[in-house]
C-alpha atoms as a PDB file:
ATOM      1  CA  MET A   1       0.000   0.000   0.000  1.00  0.00           C
ATOM      2  CA  ALA A   2       0.968   3.651  -0.309  1.00  0.00           C
ATOM      3  CA  LYS A   3       2.603   6.069   2.131  1.00  0.00           C
ATOM      4  CA  ILE A   4       0.245   9.046   2.401  1.00  0.00           C
ATOM      5  CA  ALA A   5       1.417  12.389   3.828  1.00  0.00           C
ATOM      6  CA  ILE A   6      -1.468  14.394   5.307  1.00  0.00           C
ATOM      7  CA  ASP A   7      -1.172  18.090   6.072  1.00  0.00           C
ATOM      8  CA  ALA A   8      -3.760  20.065   8.053  1.00  0.00           C
ATOM      9  CA  GLY A   9      -3.035  23.571   6.826  1.00  0.00           C
ATOM     10  CA  HIS A  10      -1.705  26.328   9.112  1.00  0.00           C
ATOM     11  CA  GLY A  11      -1.774  26.134  12.932  1.00  0.00           C
ATOM     12  CA  ARG A  12      -4.339  26.704  15.649  1.00  0.00           C
ATOM     13  CA  TYR A  13      -3.154  30.255  16.293  1.00  0.00           C
ATOM     14  CA  THR A  14      -2.200  31.393  12.766  1.00  0.00           C
ATOM     15  CA  PRO A  15      -3.385  35.034  12.540  1.00  0.00           C
ATOM     16  CA  GLY A  16      -6.441  35.687  10.405  1.00  0.00           C
ATOM     17  CA  LYS A  17      -7.212  32.051   9.606  1.00  0.00           C
ATOM     18  CA  ARG A  18     -10.702  31.760  11.032  1.00  0.00           C
ATOM     19  CA  CYS A  19     -14.390  31.844  10.133  1.00  0.00           C
ATOM     20  CA  MET A  20     -16.098  35.181   9.492  1.00  0.00           C
ATOM     21  CA  LYS A  21     -17.477  36.533  12.765  1.00  0.00           C
ATOM     22  CA  LYS A  22     -20.876  37.568  11.391  1.00  0.00           C
ATOM     23  CA  LEU A  23     -21.398  33.978  10.194  1.00  0.00           C
ATOM     24  CA  ASP A  24     -19.791  32.187  13.172  1.00  0.00           C
ATOM     25  CA  ARG A  25     -19.772  34.051  16.471  1.00  0.00           C
ATOM     26  CA  ASN A  26     -17.059  31.724  17.753  1.00  0.00           C
ATOM     27  CA  GLU A  27     -14.786  32.575  14.804  1.00  0.00           C
ATOM     28  CA  THR A  28     -13.715  28.934  14.607  1.00  0.00           C
ATOM     29  CA  ARG A  29     -10.077  28.607  13.615  1.00  0.00           C
ATOM     30  CA  GLU A  30      -9.299  27.170  10.203  1.00  0.00           C
ATOM     31  CA  TRP A  31      -6.827  24.668  11.698  1.00  0.00           C
ATOM     32  CA  VAL A  32      -9.599  23.198  13.872  1.00  0.00           C
ATOM     33  CA  LEU A  33     -11.676  22.535  10.747  1.00  0.00           C
ATOM     34  CA  ASN A  34      -8.650  21.239   8.840  1.00  0.00           C
ATOM     35  CA  ASP A  35      -7.703  18.935  11.718  1.00  0.00           C
ATOM     36  CA  ARG A  36     -11.175  17.401  11.898  1.00  0.00           C
ATOM     37  CA  VAL A  37     -10.975  16.402   8.248  1.00  0.00           C
ATOM     38  CA  ALA A  38      -7.316  15.322   8.439  1.00  0.00           C
ATOM     39  CA  ASP A  39      -7.965  13.159  11.535  1.00  0.00           C
ATOM     40  CA  GLU A  40     -10.852  11.311   9.902  1.00  0.00           C
ATOM     41  CA  LEU A  41      -8.979  11.014   6.598  1.00  0.00           C
ATOM     42  CA  GLY A  42      -6.006   9.423   8.343  1.00  0.00           C
ATOM     43  CA  ARG A  43      -8.246   6.946  10.160  1.00  0.00           C
ATOM     44  CA  LEU A  44      -9.978   5.901   6.930  1.00  0.00           C
ATOM     45  CA  LEU A  45      -6.746   5.511   4.980  1.00  0.00           C
ATOM     46  CA  LYS A  46      -5.120   3.476   7.753  1.00  0.00           C
ATOM     47  CA  ALA A  47      -8.151   1.183   7.825  1.00  0.00           C
ATOM     48  CA  ALA A  48      -7.729   0.731   4.062  1.00  0.00           C
ATOM     49  CA  GLY A  49      -4.148  -0.460   4.602  1.00  0.00           C
ATOM     50  CA  HIS A  50      -2.181   2.682   3.802  1.00  0.00           C
ATOM     51  CA  THR A  51       0.610   4.105   5.960  1.00  0.00           C
ATOM     52  CA  VAL A  52      -0.227   7.633   7.081  1.00  0.00           C
ATOM     53  CA  LYS A  53       1.867  10.419   8.579  1.00  0.00           C
ATOM     54  CA  ARG A  54       0.869  13.977   9.483  1.00  0.00           C
ATOM     55  CA  MET A  55       3.150  16.767   8.270  1.00  0.00           C
ATOM     56  CA  ASP A  56       1.709  19.470  10.546  1.00  0.00           C
ATOM     57  CA  ASP A  57       1.802  19.814  14.333  1.00  0.00           C
ATOM     58  CA  THR A  58      -1.048  17.514  15.351  1.00  0.00           C
ATOM     59  CA  ASP A  59      -2.098  19.635  18.332  1.00  0.00           C
ATOM     60  CA  GLY A  60      -1.902  22.827  16.279  1.00  0.00           C
ATOM     61  CA  SER A  61       0.339  24.690  18.731  1.00  0.00           C
ATOM     62  CA  THR A  62       2.961  25.400  16.057  1.00  0.00           C
ATOM     63  CA  ASP A  63       2.315  26.501  12.492  1.00  0.00           C
ATOM     64  CA  VAL A  64       4.977  24.281  10.930  1.00  0.00           C
ATOM     65  CA  SER A  65       6.649  26.059   8.016  1.00  0.00           C
ATOM     66  CA  LEU A  66       5.731  25.000   4.501  1.00  0.00           C
ATOM     67  CA  ALA A  67       9.368  24.159   3.775  1.00  0.00           C
ATOM     68  CA  ALA A  68       9.547  21.900   6.845  1.00  0.00           C
ATOM     69  CA  ARG A  69       6.381  20.072   5.798  1.00  0.00           C
ATOM     70  CA  VAL A  70       7.724  19.467   2.312  1.00  0.00           C
ATOM     71  CA  GLN A  71      11.130  18.360   3.611  1.00  0.00           C
ATOM     72  CA  LYS A  72       9.481  15.913   6.021  1.00  0.00           C
ATOM     73  CA  ALA A  73       7.357  14.369   3.263  1.00  0.00           C
ATOM     74  CA  ASN A  74      10.272  14.118   0.848  1.00  0.00           C
ATOM     75  CA  ALA A  75      12.564  12.577   3.476  1.00  0.00           C
ATOM     76  CA  TRP A  76       9.884  10.049   4.412  1.00  0.00           C
ATOM     77  CA  GLY A  77       9.476   9.033   0.785  1.00  0.00           C
ATOM     78  CA  ALA A  78       5.714   9.585   0.680  1.00  0.00           C
ATOM     79  CA  ASP A  79       3.830   8.290  -2.344  1.00  0.00           C
ATOM     80  CA  PHE A  80       1.190  11.023  -2.177  1.00  0.00           C
ATOM     81  CA  TYR A  81       0.733  14.346  -0.356  1.00  0.00           C
ATOM     82  CA  ILE A  82      -2.683  15.782   0.496  1.00  0.00           C
ATOM     83  CA  SER A  83      -3.006  19.215   2.122  1.00  0.00           C
ATOM     84  CA  VAL A  84      -6.344  19.995   3.810  1.00  0.00           C
ATOM     85  CA  HIS A  85      -7.586  23.591   3.985  1.00  0.00           C
ATOM     86  CA  HIS A  86     -10.721  25.722   4.229  1.00  0.00           C
ATOM     87  CA  ASN A  87     -10.950  28.796   2.034  1.00  0.00           C
ATOM     88  CA  SER A  88     -12.074  32.429   2.252  1.00  0.00           C
ATOM     89  CA  GLY A  89     -12.570  35.235  -0.212  1.00  0.00           C
ATOM     90  CA  VAL A  90     -16.287  35.583  -0.938  1.00  0.00           C
ATOM     91  CA  GLY A  91     -16.923  38.224   1.731  1.00  0.00           C
ATOM     92  CA  GLY A  92     -20.043  36.798   3.318  1.00  0.00           C
ATOM     93  CA  SER A  93     -21.850  36.097   0.048  1.00  0.00           C
ATOM     94  CA  SER A  94     -23.425  32.834  -1.092  1.00  0.00           C
ATOM     95  CA  GLY A  95     -20.486  31.888  -3.325  1.00  0.00           C
ATOM     96  CA  GLY A  96     -18.048  29.146  -2.447  1.00  0.00           C
ATOM     97  CA  GLY A  97     -17.751  25.404  -2.732  1.00  0.00           C
ATOM     98  CA  THR A  98     -15.075  22.725  -2.650  1.00  0.00           C
ATOM     99  CA  GLU A  99     -11.917  23.118  -4.740  1.00  0.00           C
ATOM    100  CA  VAL A 100      -9.005  20.743  -5.361  1.00  0.00           C
ATOM    101  CA  TYR A 101      -5.670  22.132  -6.559  1.00  0.00           C
ATOM    102  CA  VAL A 102      -2.588  20.780  -8.310  1.00  0.00           C
ATOM    103  CA  SER A 103       0.508  22.721  -9.316  1.00  0.00           C
ATOM    104  CA  LYS A 104       1.291  23.859 -12.839  1.00  0.00           C
ATOM    105  CA  GLY A 105       3.251  21.180 -14.683  1.00  0.00           C
ATOM    106  CA  CYS A 106       2.450  18.576 -12.010  1.00  0.00           C
ATOM    107  CA  GLN A 107       2.921  14.827 -12.320  1.00  0.00           C
ATOM    108  CA  ALA A 108       0.231  12.914 -14.202  1.00  0.00           C
ATOM    109  CA  LYS A 109      -0.754  11.085 -11.017  1.00  0.00           C
ATOM    110  CA  SER A 110      -1.470  14.410  -9.320  1.00  0.00           C
ATOM    111  CA  LYS A 111      -4.055  15.161 -12.013  1.00  0.00           C
ATOM    112  CA  LYS A 112      -5.604  11.712 -11.616  1.00  0.00           C
ATOM    113  CA  ALA A 113      -5.815  12.159  -7.855  1.00  0.00           C
ATOM    114  CA  GLN A 114      -7.248  15.669  -8.248  1.00  0.00           C
ATOM    115  CA  ALA A 115     -10.069  14.442 -10.483  1.00  0.00           C
ATOM    116  CA  ALA A 116     -10.862  11.478  -8.229  1.00  0.00           C
ATOM    117  CA  ILE A 117     -10.746  13.448  -4.970  1.00  0.00           C
ATOM    118  CA  TYR A 118     -12.986  16.188  -6.355  1.00  0.00           C
ATOM    119  CA  LYS A 119     -15.466  13.657  -7.761  1.00  0.00           C
ATOM    120  CA  TYR A 120     -15.898  11.796  -4.484  1.00  0.00           C
ATOM    121  CA  ALA A 121     -15.705  14.901  -2.258  1.00  0.00           C
ATOM    122  CA  ILE A 122     -18.626  16.434  -4.149  1.00  0.00           C
ATOM    123  CA  LYS A 123     -20.496  13.127  -4.104  1.00  0.00           C
ATOM    124  CA  ARG A 124     -20.118  12.692  -0.341  1.00  0.00           C
ATOM    125  CA  ALA A 125     -20.198  16.273   0.959  1.00  0.00           C
ATOM    126  CA  ASP A 126     -22.410  17.886  -1.714  1.00  0.00           C
ATOM    127  CA  LEU A 127     -20.749  21.307  -1.630  1.00  0.00           C
ATOM    128  CA  LYS A 128     -20.105  22.160  -5.257  1.00  0.00           C
ATOM    129  CA  GLY A 129     -21.122  25.763  -4.667  1.00  0.00           C
ATOM    130  CA  ASN A 130     -21.168  28.056  -7.668  1.00  0.00           C
ATOM    131  CA  ARG A 131     -18.128  26.405  -9.248  1.00  0.00           C
ATOM    132  CA  ALA A 132     -18.646  25.017 -12.754  1.00  0.00           C
ATOM    133  CA  ASP A 133     -15.453  23.056 -12.123  1.00  0.00           C
ATOM    134  CA  GLY A 134     -13.698  22.957  -8.771  1.00  0.00           C
ATOM    135  CA  THR A 135     -10.459  21.457 -10.088  1.00  0.00           C
ATOM    136  CA  ARG A 136      -7.881  24.244 -10.102  1.00  0.00           C
ATOM    137  CA  THR A 137      -4.200  24.923 -10.725  1.00  0.00           C
ATOM    138  CA  ALA A 138      -1.994  27.047  -8.441  1.00  0.00           C
ATOM    139  CA  ASN A 139       1.626  26.890  -7.351  1.00  0.00           C
ATOM    140  CA  PHE A 140       0.992  26.527  -3.621  1.00  0.00           C
ATOM    141  CA  TYR A 141       4.283  25.655  -1.935  1.00  0.00           C
ATOM    142  CA  VAL A 142       3.375  22.239  -0.547  1.00  0.00           C
ATOM    143  CA  ILE A 143       2.115  20.929  -3.881  1.00  0.00           C
ATOM    144  CA  ARG A 144       4.813  22.634  -5.943  1.00  0.00           C
ATOM    145  CA  TYR A 145       7.926  21.423  -4.112  1.00  0.00           C
ATOM    146  CA  THR A 146       7.021  17.906  -2.980  1.00  0.00           C
ATOM    147  CA  ASP A 147       8.776  15.109  -4.866  1.00  0.00           C
ATOM    148  CA  MET A 148       5.633  12.969  -4.944  1.00  0.00           C
ATOM    149  CA  PRO A 149       2.214  13.592  -6.551  1.00  0.00           C
ATOM    150  CA  ALA A 150       0.320  16.138  -4.461  1.00  0.00           C
ATOM    151  CA  CYS A 151      -3.057  17.859  -4.143  1.00  0.00           C
ATOM    152  CA  LEU A 152      -4.461  20.616  -1.932  1.00  0.00           C
ATOM    153  CA  ILE A 153      -8.166  20.656  -1.100  1.00  0.00           C
ATOM    154  CA  GLU A 154     -10.121  23.721   0.009  1.00  0.00           C
ATOM    155  CA  CYS A 155     -13.094  21.976   1.614  1.00  0.00           C
ATOM    156  CA  GLY A 156     -15.340  25.032   1.759  1.00  0.00           C
ATOM    157  CA  PHE A 157     -15.377  28.790   2.372  1.00  0.00           C
ATOM    158  CA  MET A 158     -15.244  30.169   5.913  1.00  0.00           C
ATOM    159  CA  ASP A 159     -16.840  33.437   4.758  1.00  0.00           C
ATOM    160  CA  SER A 160     -19.676  31.933   2.703  1.00  0.00           C
ATOM    161  CA  LYS A 161     -23.152  32.090   4.219  1.00  0.00           C
ATOM    162  CA  VAL A 162     -23.927  28.843   2.391  1.00  0.00           C
ATOM    163  CA  ASP A 163     -20.742  26.884   3.141  1.00  0.00           C
ATOM    164  CA  ILE A 164     -20.485  27.851   6.802  1.00  0.00           C
ATOM    165  CA  LYS A 165     -23.347  25.639   8.012  1.00  0.00           C
ATOM    166  CA  TYR A 166     -21.663  22.648   6.398  1.00  0.00           C
ATOM    167  CA  ILE A 167     -18.049  23.178   7.399  1.00  0.00           C
ATOM    168  CA  LEU A 168     -18.858  23.828  11.083  1.00  0.00           C
ATOM    169  CA  ASP A 169     -20.671  20.479  11.347  1.00  0.00           C
ATOM    170  CA  PRO A 170     -18.310  17.687  12.510  1.00  0.00           C
ATOM    171  CA  ALA A 171     -20.517  15.116  10.754  1.00  0.00           C
ATOM    172  CA  TRP A 172     -19.986  16.950   7.464  1.00  0.00           C
ATOM    173  CA  SER A 173     -16.221  16.933   8.046  1.00  0.00           C
ATOM    174  CA  LYS A 174     -16.404  13.135   8.159  1.00  0.00           C
ATOM    175  CA  LYS A 175     -18.344  13.076   4.903  1.00  0.00           C
ATOM    176  CA  ILE A 176     -15.795  15.113   2.989  1.00  0.00           C
ATOM    177  CA  ALA A 177     -12.941  13.127   4.570  1.00  0.00           C
ATOM    178  CA  LEU A 178     -14.612   9.987   3.254  1.00  0.00           C
ATOM    179  CA  GLY A 179     -14.787  11.493  -0.226  1.00  0.00           C
ATOM    180  CA  ILE A 180     -11.108  12.467  -0.131  1.00  0.00           C
ATOM    181  CA  ALA A 181     -10.165   8.974   1.048  1.00  0.00           C
ATOM    182  CA  GLU A 182     -12.214   7.344  -1.700  1.00  0.00           C
ATOM    183  CA  GLY A 183     -10.518   9.505  -4.308  1.00  0.00           C
ATOM    184  CA  ILE A 184      -7.056   8.640  -3.002  1.00  0.00           C
ATOM    185  CA  CYS A 185      -7.874   4.931  -3.007  1.00  0.00           C
ATOM    186  CA  GLU A 186      -9.134   5.102  -6.580  1.00  0.00           C
ATOM    187  CA  VAL A 187      -5.623   6.139  -7.616  1.00  0.00           C
ATOM    188  CA  PHE A 188      -3.414   4.423  -5.013  1.00  0.00           C
ATOM    189  CA  GLY A 189      -5.450   1.307  -4.184  1.00  0.00           C
ATOM    190  CA  GLY A 190      -7.378   0.142  -1.154  1.00  0.00           C
ATOM    191  CA  THR A 191     -10.979  -0.181  -0.038  1.00  0.00           C
ATOM    192  CA  ILE A 192     -12.659   2.441   2.111  1.00  0.00           C
ATOM    193  CA  LYS A 193     -15.445   1.303   4.413  1.00  0.00           C
ATOM    194  CA  ALA A 194     -17.500   4.175   5.705  1.00  0.00           C
ATOM    195  CA  GLY A 195     -18.066   4.554   9.406  1.00  0.00           C
ATOM    196  CA  SER A 196     -21.297   5.545  11.105  1.00  0.00           C
ATOM    197  CA  GLY A 197     -23.033   8.347   9.240  1.00  0.00           C
ATOM    198  CA  SER A 198     -20.386   8.519   6.533  1.00  0.00           C
ATOM    199  CA  GLY A 199     -22.519   7.142   3.742  1.00  0.00           C
ATOM    200  CA  GLY A 200     -21.766   3.559   2.715  1.00  0.00           C
ATOM    201  CA  SER A 201     -18.730   1.870   1.199  1.00  0.00           C
ATOM    202  CA  ILE A 202     -17.099   1.466  -2.174  1.00  0.00           C
ATOM    203  CA  THR A 203     -14.307  -0.473  -3.769  1.00  0.00           C
ATOM    204  CA  PRO A 204     -12.675   2.125  -6.005  1.00  0.00           C
ATOM    205  CA  LYS A 205      -9.741   0.026  -7.181  1.00  0.00           C
ATOM    206  CA  PRO A 206      -8.629  -3.554  -6.544  1.00  0.00           C
ATOM    207  CA  ALA A 207      -6.089  -3.615  -3.760  1.00  0.00           C
ATOM    208  CA  PRO A 208      -2.770  -5.412  -4.149  1.00  0.00           C
ATOM    209  CA  SER A 209      -2.754  -9.109  -3.271  1.00  0.00           C
ATOM    210  CA  LYS A 210      -1.816  -8.437   0.349  1.00  0.00           C
ATOM    211  CA  PRO A 211      -5.141  -7.896   2.150  1.00  0.00           C
ATOM    212  CA  ALA A 212      -5.711  -4.717   4.093  1.00  0.00           C
ATOM    213  CA  PRO A 213      -5.707  -5.193   7.863  1.00  0.00           C
ATOM    214  CA  ALA A 214      -9.071  -5.254   9.556  1.00  0.00           C
ATOM    215  CA  LYS A 215     -10.254  -1.935  10.886  1.00  0.00           C
ATOM    216  CA  PRO A 216      -9.623  -1.878  14.631  1.00  0.00           C
ATOM    217  CA  ALA A 217     -12.679  -1.575  16.799  1.00  0.00           C
ATOM    218  CA  GLU A 218     -13.079   1.743  18.557  1.00  0.00           C
ATOM    219  CA  LYS A 219     -12.066   1.635  22.207  1.00  0.00           C
ATOM    220  CA  TYR A 220     -15.196   1.550  24.330  1.00  0.00           C
ATOM    221  CA  LYS A 221     -13.625   2.786  27.556  1.00  0.00           C
ATOM    222  CA  LEU A 222     -11.203   5.595  28.255  1.00  0.00           C
ATOM    223  CA  ASP A 223      -7.635   4.910  29.293  1.00  0.00           C
ATOM    224  CA  VAL A 224      -7.378   6.192  32.865  1.00  0.00           C
ATOM    225  CA  ASP A 225      -4.049   7.916  32.294  1.00  0.00           C
ATOM    226  CA  GLY A 226      -4.577  11.342  33.856  1.00  0.00           C
ATOM    227  CA  SER A 227      -4.266  13.240  30.562  1.00  0.00           C
ATOM    228  CA  TRP A 228      -7.282  14.938  28.993  1.00  0.00           C
ATOM    229  CA  GLY A 229      -6.874  14.557  25.226  1.00  0.00           C
ATOM    230  CA  LYS A 230      -9.245  14.102  22.310  1.00  0.00           C
ATOM    231  CA  ASP A 231     -10.509  10.683  23.382  1.00  0.00           C
ATOM    232  CA  CYS A 232     -11.406  11.984  26.827  1.00  0.00           C
ATOM    233  CA  THR A 233     -13.191  14.932  25.214  1.00  0.00           C
ATOM    234  CA  ARG A 234     -15.086  12.739  22.752  1.00  0.00           C
ATOM    235  CA  LYS A 235     -16.195  10.266  25.421  1.00  0.00           C
ATOM    236  CA  SER A 236     -17.239  13.142  27.708  1.00  0.00           C
ATOM    237  CA  GLN A 237     -19.219  14.679  24.838  1.00  0.00           C
ATOM    238  CA  LYS A 238     -20.871  11.327  24.196  1.00  0.00           C
ATOM    239  CA  VAL A 239     -21.905  10.867  27.821  1.00  0.00           C
ATOM    240  CA  LEU A 240     -23.112  14.463  28.214  1.00  0.00           C
ATOM    241  CA  LYS A 241     -24.847  14.480  24.810  1.00  0.00           C
ATOM    242  CA  THR A 242     -23.078  17.441  23.205  1.00  0.00           C
ATOM    243  CA  THR A 243     -21.599  17.610  19.697  1.00  0.00           C
ATOM    244  CA  ILE A 244     -18.845  14.989  19.410  1.00  0.00           C
ATOM    245  CA  ASP A 245     -15.859  16.698  17.777  1.00  0.00           C
ATOM    246  CA  GLY A 246     -13.028  16.119  20.269  1.00  0.00           C
ATOM    247  CA  ILE A 247     -12.637  19.862  20.924  1.00  0.00           C
ATOM    248  CA  VAL A 248     -13.216  21.872  24.105  1.00  0.00           C
ATOM    249  CA  SER A 249     -13.680  25.215  22.386  1.00  0.00           C
ATOM    250  CA  ASN A 250     -13.357  28.875  23.387  1.00  0.00           C
ATOM    251  CA  GLN A 251     -11.427  28.643  26.650  1.00  0.00           C
ATOM    252  CA  PRO A 252      -9.705  31.741  28.067  1.00  0.00           C
ATOM    253  CA  VAL A 253      -5.924  31.687  27.748  1.00  0.00           C
ATOM    254  CA  GLY A 254      -5.714  32.764  31.389  1.00  0.00           C
ATOM    255  CA  ASN A 255      -7.338  29.512  32.514  1.00  0.00           C
ATOM    256  CA  LYS A 256      -4.502  27.326  31.199  1.00  0.00           C
ATOM    257  CA  LYS A 257      -2.708  27.641  34.546  1.00  0.00           C
ATOM    258  CA  TYR A 258      -5.560  25.741  36.220  1.00  0.00           C
ATOM    259  CA  LEU A 259      -5.512  22.962  33.597  1.00  0.00           C
ATOM    260  CA  PRO A 260      -1.995  21.458  33.572  1.00  0.00           C
ATOM    261  CA  ASN A 261      -3.108  18.027  32.344  1.00  0.00           C
ATOM    262  CA  VAL A 262      -5.186  18.973  29.310  1.00  0.00           C
ATOM    263  CA  TYR A 263      -3.828  18.757  25.765  1.00  0.00           C
ATOM    264  CA  THR A 264      -3.989  21.801  23.498  1.00  0.00           C
ATOM    265  CA  GLY A 265      -4.825  19.468  20.623  1.00  0.00           C
ATOM    266  CA  SER A 266      -8.205  18.971  22.299  1.00  0.00           C
ATOM    267  CA  TRP A 267      -8.608  22.209  24.270  1.00  0.00           C
ATOM    268  CA  GLU A 268      -8.846  25.482  22.354  1.00  0.00           C
ATOM    269  CA  PHE A 269      -7.394  28.406  24.316  1.00  0.00           C
ATOM    270  CA  THR A 270      -8.008  31.829  22.816  1.00  0.00           C
ATOM    271  CA  SER A 271      -8.246  35.504  23.702  1.00  0.00           C
ATOM    272  CA  ASN A 272     -11.601  35.584  21.888  1.00  0.00           C
ATOM    273  CA  TYR A 273     -13.485  33.115  24.082  1.00  0.00           C
ATOM    274  CA  LYS A 274     -17.042  34.448  23.828  1.00  0.00           C
ATOM    275  CA  GLY A 275     -19.635  31.714  24.206  1.00  0.00           C
ATOM    276  CA  GLY A 276     -17.407  29.167  25.899  1.00  0.00           C
ATOM    277  CA  SER A 277     -17.752  25.435  25.293  1.00  0.00           C
ATOM    278  CA  ALA A 278     -20.978  23.444  25.083  1.00  0.00           C
ATOM    279  CA  LEU A 279     -19.197  20.526  26.759  1.00  0.00           C
ATOM    280  CA  ILE A 280     -17.984  22.651  29.678  1.00  0.00           C
ATOM    281  CA  LYS A 281     -21.500  24.051  30.111  1.00  0.00           C
ATOM    282  CA  ALA A 282     -22.819  20.485  30.295  1.00  0.00           C
ATOM    283  CA  VAL A 283     -20.099  19.550  32.813  1.00  0.00           C
ATOM    284  CA  GLN A 284     -20.878  22.624  34.918  1.00  0.00           C
ATOM    285  CA  LYS A 285     -24.591  21.793  34.900  1.00  0.00           C
ATOM    286  CA  LEU A 286     -23.808  18.210  35.945  1.00  0.00           C
ATOM    287  CA  ILE A 287     -21.519  19.107  38.840  1.00  0.00           C
ATOM    288  CA  GLY A 288     -23.477  22.128  40.068  1.00  0.00           C
ATOM    289  CA  ALA A 289     -21.036  24.854  39.055  1.00  0.00           C
ATOM    290  CA  LYS A 290     -21.799  28.247  37.518  1.00  0.00           C
ATOM    291  CA  VAL A 291     -22.760  27.557  33.892  1.00  0.00           C
ATOM    292  CA  ASP A 292     -20.682  29.886  31.704  1.00  0.00           C
ATOM    293  CA  GLY A 293     -18.782  27.479  29.419  1.00  0.00           C
ATOM    294  CA  TRP A 294     -15.317  28.370  30.762  1.00  0.00           C
ATOM    295  CA  CYS A 295     -13.302  25.892  32.808  1.00  0.00           C
ATOM    296  CA  GLY A 296     -11.526  27.963  35.441  1.00  0.00           C
ATOM    297  CA  LYS A 297     -10.435  27.457  39.039  1.00  0.00           C
ATOM    298  CA  GLN A 298     -13.945  27.458  40.532  1.00  0.00           C
ATOM    299  CA  THR A 299     -15.217  24.928  38.006  1.00  0.00           C
ATOM    300  CA  VAL A 300     -12.271  22.642  38.807  1.00  0.00           C
ATOM    301  CA  ILE A 301     -12.897  23.001  42.555  1.00  0.00           C
ATOM    302  CA  THR A 302     -16.560  22.084  42.059  1.00  0.00           C
ATOM    303  CA  MET A 303     -15.540  19.141  39.869  1.00  0.00           C
ATOM    304  CA  GLN A 304     -13.126  17.895  42.534  1.00  0.00           C
ATOM    305  CA  LYS A 305     -15.860  18.079  45.176  1.00  0.00           C
ATOM    306  CA  PHE A 306     -18.290  16.288  42.852  1.00  0.00           C
ATOM    307  CA  LEU A 307     -15.786  13.511  42.156  1.00  0.00           C
ATOM    308  CA  ARG A 308     -14.883  13.186  45.841  1.00  0.00           C
ATOM    309  CA  ALA A 309     -18.566  12.766  46.675  1.00  0.00           C
ATOM    310  CA  LYS A 310     -18.673   9.949  44.115  1.00  0.00           C
ATOM    311  CA  GLY A 311     -15.747   8.230  45.854  1.00  0.00           C
ATOM    312  CA  LEU A 312     -13.492   8.724  42.826  1.00  0.00           C
ATOM    313  CA  TYR A 313     -11.158  11.496  44.025  1.00  0.00           C
ATOM    314  CA  ALA A 314      -9.006  11.607  47.137  1.00  0.00           C
ATOM    315  CA  GLY A 315      -6.691  14.497  46.261  1.00  0.00           C
ATOM    316  CA  GLU A 316      -6.593  18.118  47.351  1.00  0.00           C
ATOM    317  CA  ILE A 317      -9.468  20.488  46.568  1.00  0.00           C
ATOM    318  CA  ASP A 318      -7.101  23.009  45.006  1.00  0.00           C
ATOM    319  CA  GLY A 319      -8.694  24.078  41.700  1.00  0.00           C
ATOM    320  CA  SER A 320      -5.905  22.558  39.611  1.00  0.00           C
ATOM    321  CA  MET A 321      -6.867  19.882  37.083  1.00  0.00           C
ATOM    322  CA  GLY A 322      -3.818  17.693  37.584  1.00  0.00           C
ATOM    323  CA  PRO A 323      -3.496  13.967  36.842  1.00  0.00           C
ATOM    324  CA  LYS A 324      -5.478  12.827  39.908  1.00  0.00           C
ATOM    325  CA  THR A 325      -8.442  15.009  38.970  1.00  0.00           C
ATOM    326  CA  VAL A 326      -8.369  13.908  35.326  1.00  0.00           C
ATOM    327  CA  LYS A 327      -8.094  10.226  36.311  1.00  0.00           C
ATOM    328  CA  ALA A 328     -11.114  10.616  38.582  1.00  0.00           C
ATOM    329  CA  TRP A 329     -13.076  12.269  35.766  1.00  0.00           C
ATOM    330  CA  GLN A 330     -12.052   9.502  33.355  1.00  0.00           C
ATOM    331  CA  LYS A 331     -13.291   6.891  35.839  1.00  0.00           C
ATOM    332  CA  TYR A 332     -16.579   8.765  36.131  1.00  0.00           C
ATOM    333  CA  ILE A 333     -17.026   8.908  32.346  1.00  0.00           C
ATOM    334  CA  ASN A 334     -16.202   5.198  32.053  1.00  0.00           C
ATOM    335  CA  SER A 335     -18.924   4.481  34.607  1.00  0.00           C
ATOM    336  CA  ARG A 336     -21.425   6.200  32.298  1.00  0.00           C
ATOM    337  CA  LEU A 337     -20.346   4.576  29.031  1.00  0.00           C
END
């Protein structure tokens, strides 16, 4: 099978890369949207038997330079490079849609992948927009200087009043990831089997004689490891019946000092934290804290008291979400799964 380099464009804190405020009051960062698609794409391609490696910083803390991404892919000897982005430039209008780019004078396999990815992305995600043809040519760095065939996809427009309702929906991100994966497998082999809500399965191209490994079953319970990452967030969202996207959004930067054992790949700290997180609001409602969507010292204190009352926490009531507090929360979530 092929070695596929996946690149979620930019970083979590890259200036200006966010949704238009009048369309999304949370001004969701582009990297968050890119990461959702890249995460699901990697999972699907691995299940199809491909080897996958991310070229960006997978928690988004650093906007890895374009040159470093290209050098990493070239040194690894990737067979294909796919860069995942979300676009802007329609100024709040109804224009937009999905676009797939190759570089001028690209390899023939890049063109084949471009056509296949666009075909299946439109089929699965249904966001053609006002584009007569969303296959484009541009000399973007990561598709111009990679040694292997490469494509860049702009999944949708962050300043389109039509696109925005799609791209903010985590379920839609899975749909377009499925389309991208199907397109890649049409060119590089493998069989993609859609997960829940992703829309069926196809066999785009016969795989080589070596069978693809079976897709691993999703872990039912959380690892009680004292670190709050994406799996802890997703399982918490599942139990508390909020949108399952693996992200604790819109947390004040100043609250990081109370949350030493949370991962920035799952927790979004920002200076523009209006609205808070739906998950944190659900947690606060559960534990009896003030419901504002921001996880600060008082919320942690209330959580520690709640967990102690459940017989799960024996540490200090200090307002710091260290490993003991996170482990107790993980045990509580496991008891509800």
